[in-house]
Structures are given as C-alpha cells and as structure tokens.
Amino acid sequence: MTKSELIALYARARGRKRKEAEADLNFILDTISDCLAENEKVVLTGFGTFEVRNHKAKRCLNPRTHEPIMLPAGKVPGFRSGKGLKDAVNQKAED
C-alpha cells in the first residue's frame, strides 16, 4: 500500500475529503519525524516504537574499487513492532 492509497482509504472510511485526510496523515508523519529529530521515542501502544539508533563508525570496502573506506558514525531511525502488530501479522499468516 502506498501513501496515496492509505490517504484514499482513510478518507473513504472517515467520510473526509482527500485533502483533509492527507493533511491528517502528514501531521502524524511530521510529528513522528520531529520527535525523532529531537532524539525522542514515539511509542504507539500495540503497534510499535519508533526510535533513533546510533551506529558506530566502521571500516568497509568500496564495492567497485575494493578500496578500504571508513563509514562515519551516525544515527538512523528504527522501528520495533509491538505485540498487537505482531499478533495481527501472525494471525493473517495463519488464515
């Protein structure tokens, strides 16, 4: 499912205009992004947790030239699924 499909589904289910539904979804995504940018966790009980993960610097090989390069340390967003999401996925897999 794409973002556009999600917006259309939400708009139909809630009887809202597409632009209103898009604004709602964008607000939620922007809020999650802003919290992560400030190094805050976002916990959606039953769904999962969005968090910032730190990566150490590491030595790698350039795949084209096979020269050793150093990748700098950094931060990346991460997601850990909650029990409700895991159960929903597993139940669908069993059906």
C-alpha atoms as a PDB file:
ATOM      1  CA  MET A   1       0.000   0.000   0.000  1.00  0.00           C
ATOM      2  CA  THR A   2       1.301   3.424  -0.919  1.00  0.00           C
ATOM      3  CA  LYS A   3       0.807   6.689   0.952  1.00  0.00           C
ATOM      4  CA  SER A   4      -1.774   7.779  -1.659  1.00  0.00           C
ATOM      5  CA  GLU A   5      -3.717   4.550  -1.228  1.00  0.00           C
ATOM      6  CA  LEU A   6      -3.647   4.943   2.561  1.00  0.00           C
ATOM      7  CA  ILE A   7      -4.950   8.503   2.281  1.00  0.00           C
ATOM      8  CA  ALA A   8      -7.768   7.408  -0.041  1.00  0.00           C
ATOM      9  CA  LEU A   9      -8.731   4.526   2.278  1.00  0.00           C
ATOM     10  CA  TYR A  10      -8.725   6.803   5.332  1.00  0.00           C
ATOM     11  CA  ALA A  11     -10.791   9.461   3.533  1.00  0.00           C
ATOM     12  CA  ARG A  12     -13.427   6.905   2.499  1.00  0.00           C
ATOM     13  CA  ALA A  13     -13.568   5.239   5.921  1.00  0.00           C
ATOM     14  CA  ARG A  14     -13.957   8.526   7.809  1.00  0.00           C
ATOM     15  CA  GLY A  15     -16.101  10.379   5.242  1.00  0.00           C
ATOM     16  CA  ARG A  16     -13.483  13.088   4.825  1.00  0.00           C
ATOM     17  CA  LYS A  17     -12.191  14.933   1.809  1.00  0.00           C
ATOM     18  CA  ARG A  18      -8.934  13.652   0.370  1.00  0.00           C
ATOM     19  CA  LYS A  19      -7.078  16.890   1.191  1.00  0.00           C
ATOM     20  CA  GLU A  20      -8.216  16.709   4.819  1.00  0.00           C
ATOM     21  CA  ALA A  21      -7.134  13.087   5.078  1.00  0.00           C
ATOM     22  CA  GLU A  22      -3.765  13.937   3.523  1.00  0.00           C
ATOM     23  CA  ALA A  23      -3.290  16.813   5.975  1.00  0.00           C
ATOM     24  CA  ASP A  24      -4.090  14.464   8.901  1.00  0.00           C
ATOM     25  CA  LEU A  25      -1.592  11.839   7.768  1.00  0.00           C
ATOM     26  CA  ASN A  26       1.095  14.437   7.029  1.00  0.00           C
ATOM     27  CA  PHE A  27       0.627  15.912  10.505  1.00  0.00           C
ATOM     28  CA  ILE A  28       1.153  12.499  12.115  1.00  0.00           C
ATOM     29  CA  LEU A  29       4.223  11.701   9.993  1.00  0.00           C
ATOM     30  CA  ASP A  30       5.723  15.161  10.551  1.00  0.00           C
ATOM     31  CA  THR A  31       5.199  14.849  14.297  1.00  0.00           C
ATOM     32  CA  ILE A  32       6.927  11.465  14.380  1.00  0.00           C
ATOM     33  CA  SER A  33       9.816  12.879  12.297  1.00  0.00           C
ATOM     34  CA  ASP A  34      10.154  15.923  14.557  1.00  0.00           C
ATOM     35  CA  CYS A  35      10.249  13.755  17.688  1.00  0.00           C
ATOM     36  CA  LEU A  36      12.920  11.503  16.190  1.00  0.00           C
ATOM     37  CA  ALA A  37      14.947  14.546  15.115  1.00  0.00           C
ATOM     38  CA  GLU A  38      14.935  15.600  18.778  1.00  0.00           C
ATOM     39  CA  ASN A  39      16.067  12.088  19.784  1.00  0.00           C
ATOM     40  CA  GLU A  40      12.695  11.240  21.371  1.00  0.00           C
ATOM     41  CA  LYS A  41      10.991   7.849  21.229  1.00  0.00           C
ATOM     42  CA  VAL A  42       7.478   7.607  19.799  1.00  0.00           C
ATOM     43  CA  VAL A  43       5.548   4.755  21.412  1.00  0.00           C
ATOM     44  CA  LEU A  44       2.268   3.667  19.819  1.00  0.00           C
ATOM     45  CA  THR A  45       0.974   1.039  22.248  1.00  0.00           C
ATOM     46  CA  GLY A  46       0.022  -2.163  20.474  1.00  0.00           C
ATOM     47  CA  PHE A  47       1.588  -1.009  17.213  1.00  0.00           C
ATOM     48  CA  GLY A  48       5.246  -0.314  17.872  1.00  0.00           C
ATOM     49  CA  THR A  49       8.011   2.074  18.816  1.00  0.00           C
ATOM     50  CA  PHE A  50       9.913   4.480  16.597  1.00  0.00           C
ATOM     51  CA  GLU A  51      13.353   5.376  17.952  1.00  0.00           C
ATOM     52  CA  VAL A  52      16.741   6.731  16.954  1.00  0.00           C
ATOM     53  CA  ARG A  53      19.546   4.183  16.804  1.00  0.00           C
ATOM     54  CA  ASN A  54      23.244   5.019  16.890  1.00  0.00           C
ATOM     55  CA  HIS A  55      25.696   3.339  14.566  1.00  0.00           C
ATOM     56  CA  LYS A  56      29.392   3.163  15.269  1.00  0.00           C
ATOM     57  CA  ALA A  57      31.937   4.135  12.640  1.00  0.00           C
ATOM     58  CA  LYS A  58      33.114   1.125  10.703  1.00  0.00           C
ATOM     59  CA  ARG A  59      35.598   0.125   8.073  1.00  0.00           C
ATOM     60  CA  CYS A  60      34.208  -1.196   4.790  1.00  0.00           C
ATOM     61  CA  LEU A  61      35.273  -1.888   1.243  1.00  0.00           C
ATOM     62  CA  ASN A  62      34.168   0.155  -1.729  1.00  0.00           C
ATOM     63  CA  PRO A  63      32.345  -2.498  -3.816  1.00  0.00           C
ATOM     64  CA  ARG A  64      33.560  -1.024  -7.103  1.00  0.00           C
ATOM     65  CA  THR A  65      37.245  -0.455  -6.344  1.00  0.00           C
ATOM     66  CA  HIS A  66      37.690  -2.710  -3.302  1.00  0.00           C
ATOM     67  CA  GLU A  67      39.487   0.184  -1.590  1.00  0.00           C
ATOM     68  CA  PRO A  68      39.025   0.333   2.175  1.00  0.00           C
ATOM     69  CA  ILE A  69      36.853   3.250   3.291  1.00  0.00           C
ATOM     70  CA  MET A  70      35.686   4.472   6.679  1.00  0.00           C
ATOM     71  CA  LEU A  71      31.954   4.952   7.205  1.00  0.00           C
ATOM     72  CA  PRO A  72      31.351   7.601   9.871  1.00  0.00           C
ATOM     73  CA  ALA A  73      29.229   7.047  12.963  1.00  0.00           C
ATOM     74  CA  GLY A  74      25.669   8.207  12.594  1.00  0.00           C
ATOM     75  CA  LYS A  75      22.059   7.970  13.638  1.00  0.00           C
ATOM     76  CA  VAL A  76      19.253   6.183  11.835  1.00  0.00           C
ATOM     77  CA  PRO A  77      15.539   5.849  12.570  1.00  0.00           C
ATOM     78  CA  GLY A  78      14.422   2.442  13.752  1.00  0.00           C
ATOM     79  CA  PHE A  79      11.108   0.699  14.363  1.00  0.00           C
ATOM     80  CA  ARG A  80      10.341  -2.139  16.743  1.00  0.00           C
ATOM     81  CA  SER A  81       6.919  -3.716  16.276  1.00  0.00           C
ATOM     82  CA  GLY A  82       4.572  -4.114  19.219  1.00  0.00           C
ATOM     83  CA  LYS A  83       2.702  -7.209  20.332  1.00  0.00           C
ATOM     84  CA  GLY A  84      -0.573  -6.145  18.708  1.00  0.00           C
ATOM     85  CA  LEU A  85       1.066  -5.702  15.302  1.00  0.00           C
ATOM     86  CA  LYS A  86       2.969  -8.978  15.598  1.00  0.00           C
ATOM     87  CA  ASP A  87      -0.208 -10.832  16.555  1.00  0.00           C
ATOM     88  CA  ALA A  88      -2.148  -9.281  13.655  1.00  0.00           C
ATOM     89  CA  VAL A  89       0.547 -10.269  11.161  1.00  0.00           C
ATOM     90  CA  ASN A  90       0.813 -13.803  12.521  1.00  0.00           C
ATOM     91  CA  GLN A  91      -2.960 -14.286  12.554  1.00  0.00           C
ATOM     92  CA  LYS A  92      -3.198 -13.206   8.899  1.00  0.00           C
ATOM     93  CA  ALA A  93      -0.360 -15.582   8.026  1.00  0.00           C
ATOM     94  CA  GLU A  94      -2.236 -18.490   9.645  1.00  0.00           C
ATOM     95  CA  ASP A  95      -5.507 -17.794   7.740  1.00  0.00           C
END
